[in-house]
Protein backbone atom coordinates (compact mmCIF):
# COMPACT_ATOMS: atom_id res chain seq x y z
CA MET A 1 -73.70 -0.35 73.73
CA ARG A 2 -72.99 -0.34 70.03
CA LYS A 3 -70.59 2.56 70.50
CA GLY A 4 -68.74 0.62 73.21
CA MET A 5 -68.48 -2.45 71.00
CA PHE A 6 -67.22 -0.32 68.15
CA MET A 7 -64.51 1.22 70.33
CA LEU A 8 -63.46 -2.23 71.56
CA PHE A 9 -63.32 -3.44 67.96
CA MET A 10 -61.10 -0.49 66.99
CA VAL A 11 -58.75 -1.18 69.91
CA ILE A 12 -58.41 -4.82 68.86
CA ILE A 13 -57.81 -3.81 65.24
CA GLY A 14 -55.23 -1.25 66.39
CA GLN A 15 -53.40 -3.87 68.42
CA PHE A 16 -53.48 -6.25 65.46
CA LEU A 17 -52.10 -3.64 63.09
CA SER A 18 -49.44 -2.52 65.55
CA GLY A 19 -46.06 -3.61 64.31
CA GLN A 20 -47.31 -4.27 60.79
CA VAL A 21 -45.37 -2.95 57.82
CA SER A 22 -46.16 -2.54 54.14
CA ASP A 23 -46.33 -5.65 52.01
CA LEU A 24 -43.32 -4.39 50.06
CA GLU A 25 -41.12 -4.20 53.16
CA LYS A 26 -42.42 -7.44 54.64
CA ASN A 27 -41.75 -9.28 51.39
CA ALA A 28 -38.21 -7.86 51.29
CA LEU A 29 -37.58 -9.24 54.77
CA ILE A 30 -39.05 -12.61 53.82
CA ASP A 31 -36.76 -12.63 50.77
CA LEU A 32 -33.81 -12.03 53.10
CA TYR A 33 -34.98 -14.84 55.38
CA HIS A 34 -35.14 -17.36 52.55
CA SER A 35 -32.05 -16.14 50.66
CA ALA A 36 -29.92 -16.19 53.84
CA LYS A 37 -31.17 -19.64 54.95
CA GLY A 38 -33.38 -18.44 57.79
CA ASP A 39 -34.27 -21.95 58.89
CA ASN A 40 -30.68 -22.31 60.11
CA TRP A 41 -30.37 -18.98 61.92
CA THR A 42 -29.38 -19.02 65.57
CA LYS A 43 -32.40 -16.82 66.29
CA GLY A 44 -35.01 -17.25 63.59
CA TRP A 45 -38.28 -15.56 62.65
CA ASP A 46 -41.84 -16.76 62.96
CA LEU A 47 -43.10 -15.56 59.60
CA ASN A 48 -46.69 -15.81 60.85
CA ALA A 49 -46.04 -13.42 63.73
CA PRO A 50 -45.99 -9.61 63.45
CA VAL A 51 -42.80 -8.20 61.92
CA SER A 52 -42.25 -6.20 65.10
CA SER A 53 -41.54 -9.48 66.92
CA TRP A 54 -38.88 -10.66 64.49
CA GLU A 55 -35.34 -10.88 65.84
CA GLY A 56 -33.17 -7.88 64.98
CA ILE A 57 -35.92 -5.82 63.34
CA THR A 58 -36.63 -2.30 64.55
CA LEU A 59 -39.68 -0.35 63.39
CA GLU A 60 -40.52 3.33 63.56
CA ASN A 61 -44.05 4.33 62.55
CA ASN A 62 -44.52 0.84 61.11
CA LYS A 63 -41.51 1.23 58.84
CA VAL A 64 -38.38 -0.93 59.00
CA VAL A 65 -35.47 1.27 60.08
CA SER A 66 -32.97 -1.33 61.32
CA VAL A 67 -32.02 -4.91 60.44
CA ASN A 68 -29.42 -6.17 62.91
CA LEU A 69 -28.64 -9.87 62.50
CA MET A 70 -24.97 -9.81 63.42
CA ASN A 71 -23.50 -13.20 64.37
CA ASN A 72 -26.73 -15.10 63.69
CA ASN A 73 -25.50 -17.87 61.35
CA LEU A 74 -26.75 -16.27 58.15
CA ARG A 75 -25.67 -18.10 55.00
CA GLY A 76 -26.68 -17.94 51.36
CA SER A 77 -26.74 -14.41 49.96
CA ILE A 78 -28.35 -10.99 50.26
CA PRO A 79 -31.32 -10.57 47.87
CA ASN A 80 -31.53 -7.56 45.58
CA SER A 81 -34.96 -6.80 47.05
CA ILE A 82 -33.16 -5.53 50.17
CA GLY A 83 -33.38 -2.22 48.31
CA ASP A 84 -37.14 -2.16 48.94
CA LEU A 85 -36.48 -1.29 52.59
CA LYS A 86 -36.48 2.41 51.68
CA ASN A 87 -36.53 3.63 55.29
CA LEU A 88 -33.61 1.50 56.47
CA LYS A 89 -30.97 3.34 58.50
CA VAL A 90 -28.97 0.37 59.82
CA LEU A 91 -28.12 -2.87 58.02
CA ASN A 92 -25.86 -5.02 60.16
CA LEU A 93 -25.23 -8.56 58.87
CA ALA A 94 -21.63 -8.78 60.11
CA LEU A 95 -20.01 -11.93 61.54
CA ASN A 96 -21.96 -14.47 59.49
CA ASN A 97 -21.27 -16.73 56.50
CA ILE A 98 -23.02 -14.79 53.76
CA GLY A 99 -21.70 -15.37 50.25
CA GLY A 100 -22.58 -13.99 46.84
CA SER A 101 -22.04 -10.39 45.83
CA ILE A 102 -23.23 -7.08 47.26
CA PRO A 103 -26.55 -6.52 45.46
CA GLU A 104 -27.07 -3.27 43.59
CA GLY A 105 -30.30 -2.90 45.56
CA ILE A 106 -28.27 -1.82 48.59
CA THR A 107 -27.41 1.41 46.79
CA GLU A 108 -31.14 2.24 46.78
CA LEU A 109 -31.15 2.61 50.57
CA LYS A 110 -30.87 6.40 50.53
CA LYS A 111 -31.45 6.74 54.29
CA LEU A 112 -28.79 4.20 55.27
CA VAL A 113 -26.39 5.41 57.97
CA VAL A 114 -24.63 2.16 58.95
CA LEU A 115 -23.75 -0.69 56.57
CA ARG A 116 -21.96 -3.59 58.24
CA LEU A 117 -21.24 -6.71 56.19
CA GLY A 118 -17.84 -7.45 57.73
CA LYS A 119 -16.55 -10.97 58.40
CA ASN A 120 -18.54 -12.84 55.78
CA LYS A 121 -17.68 -14.55 52.48
CA ILE A 122 -18.94 -11.92 50.08
CA THR A 123 -17.36 -11.85 46.62
CA GLY A 124 -17.29 -9.46 43.68
CA GLY A 125 -16.69 -5.74 43.83
CA ILE A 126 -17.98 -2.78 45.80
CA PRO A 127 -20.90 -1.31 43.82
CA LYS A 128 -19.60 1.55 41.65
CA ASN A 129 -22.55 3.76 42.56
CA ILE A 130 -22.16 3.32 46.31
CA GLY A 131 -21.76 7.08 46.44
CA SER A 132 -25.55 7.33 46.18
CA LEU A 133 -25.69 6.42 49.90
CA GLU A 134 -25.33 10.07 50.82
CA LYS A 135 -26.17 9.67 54.53
CA LEU A 136 -23.78 6.78 55.16
CA LEU A 137 -21.45 7.17 58.16
CA VAL A 138 -20.07 3.64 58.48
CA LEU A 139 -19.03 1.30 55.67
CA ASP A 140 -17.79 -2.03 57.08
CA LEU A 141 -16.88 -4.69 54.52
CA PHE A 142 -13.74 -6.04 56.16
CA TYR A 143 -12.70 -9.69 55.99
CA ASN A 144 -14.56 -10.85 52.89
CA ASP A 145 -13.43 -11.98 49.43
CA LEU A 146 -14.04 -8.70 47.65
CA SER A 147 -12.05 -7.82 44.54
CA GLY A 148 -11.76 -4.92 42.12
CA GLU A 149 -10.90 -1.29 42.74
CA LEU A 150 -12.17 1.35 45.14
CA PRO A 151 -15.17 3.14 43.63
CA GLN A 152 -14.53 6.78 42.76
CA SER A 153 -18.07 7.58 43.90
CA MET A 154 -17.26 6.75 47.53
CA SER A 155 -15.68 10.19 47.83
CA GLU A 156 -19.16 11.66 47.24
CA ILE A 157 -20.39 10.38 50.63
CA LYS A 158 -19.47 13.65 52.28
CA ARG A 159 -20.11 12.68 55.92
CA LEU A 160 -18.55 9.22 55.80
CA ARG A 161 -16.66 8.60 59.02
CA VAL A 162 -15.57 4.94 58.93
CA ILE A 163 -14.25 2.84 56.01
CA LEU A 164 -13.31 -0.73 56.98
CA LEU A 165 -12.08 -2.73 53.97
CA SER A 166 -9.11 -4.67 55.40
CA HIS A 167 -8.61 -8.38 54.63
CA ASN A 168 -10.03 -8.61 51.12
CA GLY A 169 -8.58 -8.93 47.62
CA LEU A 170 -9.10 -5.32 46.56
CA SER A 171 -6.60 -3.76 44.18
CA GLY A 172 -5.76 -0.55 42.37
CA SER A 173 -4.86 2.72 44.06
CA ILE A 174 -6.50 5.13 46.49
CA PRO A 175 -8.41 7.75 44.46
CA LEU A 176 -7.15 11.32 44.94
CA THR A 177 -10.69 12.42 45.72
CA TYR A 178 -10.73 10.42 48.96
CA GLY A 179 -8.95 13.40 50.42
CA ASN A 180 -12.32 15.19 50.23
CA LEU A 181 -13.79 12.98 52.96
CA LYS A 182 -13.17 15.62 55.61
CA TYR A 183 -15.19 13.84 58.32
CA LEU A 184 -13.35 10.52 57.91
CA GLU A 185 -12.01 9.11 61.20
CA ARG A 186 -10.97 5.58 60.20
CA LEU A 187 -9.51 4.41 56.90
CA GLU A 188 -8.60 0.73 57.09
CA LEU A 189 -7.36 -0.86 53.85
CA GLY A 190 -4.87 -3.39 55.25
CA ASP A 191 -4.15 -6.84 53.80
CA ASN A 192 -5.32 -6.25 50.23
CA ASN A 193 -3.55 -5.87 46.89
CA PHE A 194 -3.53 -2.08 46.69
CA SER A 195 -0.64 -0.48 44.85
CA GLY A 196 0.55 2.89 43.61
CA GLU A 197 1.46 5.85 45.77
CA VAL A 198 -0.50 7.04 48.79
CA PRO A 199 -2.06 10.32 47.59
CA GLU A 200 -0.96 13.52 49.28
CA SER A 201 -4.63 14.52 49.36
CA LEU A 202 -5.02 12.33 52.48
CA GLU A 203 -3.19 15.11 54.30
CA ASN A 204 -6.55 16.95 54.20
CA LEU A 205 -8.24 14.37 56.47
CA THR A 206 -7.92 16.43 59.64
CA ASN A 207 -10.37 14.22 61.59
CA LEU A 208 -8.52 10.99 60.80
CA LYS A 209 -7.75 8.89 63.89
CA MET A 210 -6.80 5.52 62.39
CA LEU A 211 -4.95 4.77 59.16
CA VAL A 212 -4.31 1.13 58.24
CA LEU A 213 -2.45 0.50 54.96
CA ALA A 214 -0.36 -2.50 56.04
CA GLU A 215 0.19 -5.65 53.94
CA ASN A 216 -0.27 -4.10 50.49
CA ARG A 217 1.94 -3.00 47.60
CA PHE A 218 1.99 0.73 48.11
CA ARG A 219 5.20 2.30 46.83
CA GLY A 220 7.00 5.61 46.58
CA GLU A 221 7.42 8.22 49.29
CA PHE A 222 4.81 8.12 52.03
CA PRO A 223 3.33 11.64 52.46
CA GLU A 224 5.00 12.68 55.67
CA ASP A 225 2.48 15.37 56.57
CA ILE A 226 -0.14 12.68 57.13
CA LEU A 227 1.69 11.86 60.36
CA ILE A 228 1.11 15.34 61.75
CA LEU A 229 -2.65 15.27 61.28
CA PRO A 230 -4.10 16.67 64.54
CA ASN A 231 -6.25 13.67 65.55
CA LEU A 232 -4.20 10.76 64.22
CA LYS A 233 -3.62 8.07 66.86
CA LEU A 234 -3.07 4.75 65.10
CA VAL A 235 -1.03 3.98 61.99
CA GLN A 236 -0.19 0.64 60.34
CA LEU A 237 2.12 0.78 57.31
CA GLN A 238 4.22 -2.38 57.48
CA ASN A 239 4.94 -4.68 54.55
CA ASN A 240 4.62 -2.27 51.68
CA ARG A 241 7.18 -0.89 49.24
CA PHE A 242 7.59 2.64 50.47
CA GLY A 243 10.83 4.54 50.00
CA GLY A 244 13.12 5.54 52.87
CA ASN A 245 11.39 8.25 54.91
CA ASP A 246 12.73 10.17 57.86
CA PHE A 247 10.01 11.04 60.36
CA SER A 248 12.34 12.60 62.91
CA ASN A 249 11.03 16.16 62.75
CA ASP A 250 7.44 17.33 63.28
CA ALA A 251 6.03 13.81 63.32
CA ALA A 252 8.20 12.91 66.30
CA ASN A 253 6.60 15.67 68.34
CA ASN A 254 3.05 14.52 67.73
CA ASN A 255 1.22 12.50 70.37
CA PHE A 256 0.06 9.53 68.34
CA ALA A 257 0.93 5.85 68.34
CA LEU A 258 3.20 4.64 65.56
CA PHE A 259 2.00 1.16 64.65
CA ASP A 260 3.79 -1.81 63.18
CA PHE A 261 6.33 -0.22 60.90
CA ASP A 262 8.03 -2.69 58.60
CA GLY A 263 11.03 -4.49 60.02
CA GLY A 264 11.30 -6.94 57.14
CA ASN A 265 13.07 -6.92 53.81
CA HIS A 266 12.19 -3.33 52.91
CA ARG A 267 13.72 -0.60 55.03
CA ASN A 268 10.72 1.68 55.08
CA PHE A 269 11.41 4.00 57.99
CA ASP A 270 14.24 4.76 60.35
CA LEU A 271 12.66 3.90 63.68
CA ASN A 272 15.81 5.00 65.54
CA LYS A 273 15.04 8.58 64.59
CA ILE A 274 11.49 8.46 65.95
CA ASN A 275 10.93 9.59 69.52
CA SER A 276 11.42 6.47 71.64
CA ASN A 277 8.62 7.55 73.95
CA LYS A 278 6.05 6.79 71.28
CA ASP A 279 3.58 4.02 71.93
CA VAL A 280 4.44 1.28 69.42
CA ARG A 281 1.94 -1.57 69.65
CA THR A 282 -0.69 -3.49 67.74
CA ALA A 283 -4.43 -3.60 68.09
CA ASP A 284 -7.58 -5.00 66.53
CA THR A 285 -9.82 -1.95 66.24
CA ARG A 286 -12.38 -3.05 63.67
CA PHE A 287 -15.43 -2.80 65.92
CA GLU A 288 -14.27 -0.10 68.30
CA ASP A 289 -16.70 2.66 67.43
CA SER A 290 -20.00 4.01 68.68
CA PHE A 291 -22.17 2.79 65.82
CA ASN A 292 -24.47 -0.24 65.66
C-alpha cells in the first residue's frame, strides 16, 4: 500500500515538475514579460502557470529553446537578462513595437540559430561582438531605427545565411571580410546610409540568391562579376551613385531577375544592353525563407 502511494506521489510530482525550467531561465522570461509590457500583449502569460504553457515558449528537456512572440504587441525594451537563456536557439520578436537598444546579453546566446527583431523601433547600433553568435543562420533586424556601422565581427559567423538590415539608418561601408560568408543566401542592406564602393570580395558569395543595396550612397564601379554568381536571382541597386556599367556580356546570359535599376538622375546602367527577356520586377522578400 505504501509502495503504491509512493508511486502515485512520484507521478504527481513528475507531472508538477513537467514543463518547469531553472529559476535563472524563468526569471529571464519574467524580465522580458515586464520589460516588454506583458500586460498589454495580445496573448499574455499567466506567470503562476508552468512555463511550458506560456505563449510562444518551447522547451526541450526543461530548457527554453525558443521564444517566438512575433506580432504580439510587445513594447518597452528587451532586457539584458535575455542572455541568461543559454539554450535558446530561436528568438523571434519581429513585428512588434519594441524600442531601446539591442542588449549585449543577446551576444551571450551561443546556441542561437535564428534572431528576428525586424519591424520594431529598436535604436542604437548592432553589437560589435555579434560575431560570437557562431551558430547563427538568420539575422533579421530590418525596419528599425538602427545606426552606426556594420560590425566587422559579423564576418566571423561562418554559416550565416540571411542578413536582413534594410530600412534603418546604418552607415559606413561593407567590410571586405563579408566576402568570407560563403553560405550567405540573402544580403539585404537597402534604404540605409551606406556609402563607399561595393567590395569585389562579394564575388565570392557563390550561394547568394538575393542582393539588395538600393536607396543608399554606394559609389564607384559596381563589381560586374557579382551578376554572374551561379545562384543569384534578385538584385536591387537603384538610387545609388554607381558609375556607368555595361552588363551586356556574361551577365546578360545568366538566368536571374534584374531588379529595380535606377531610372532617376544617375545613369547607373544601360538597360537597353541587357537581355530584354530578363524578368524585371519588384518584390517584398523579407520573410520568404524557411526559418522561424
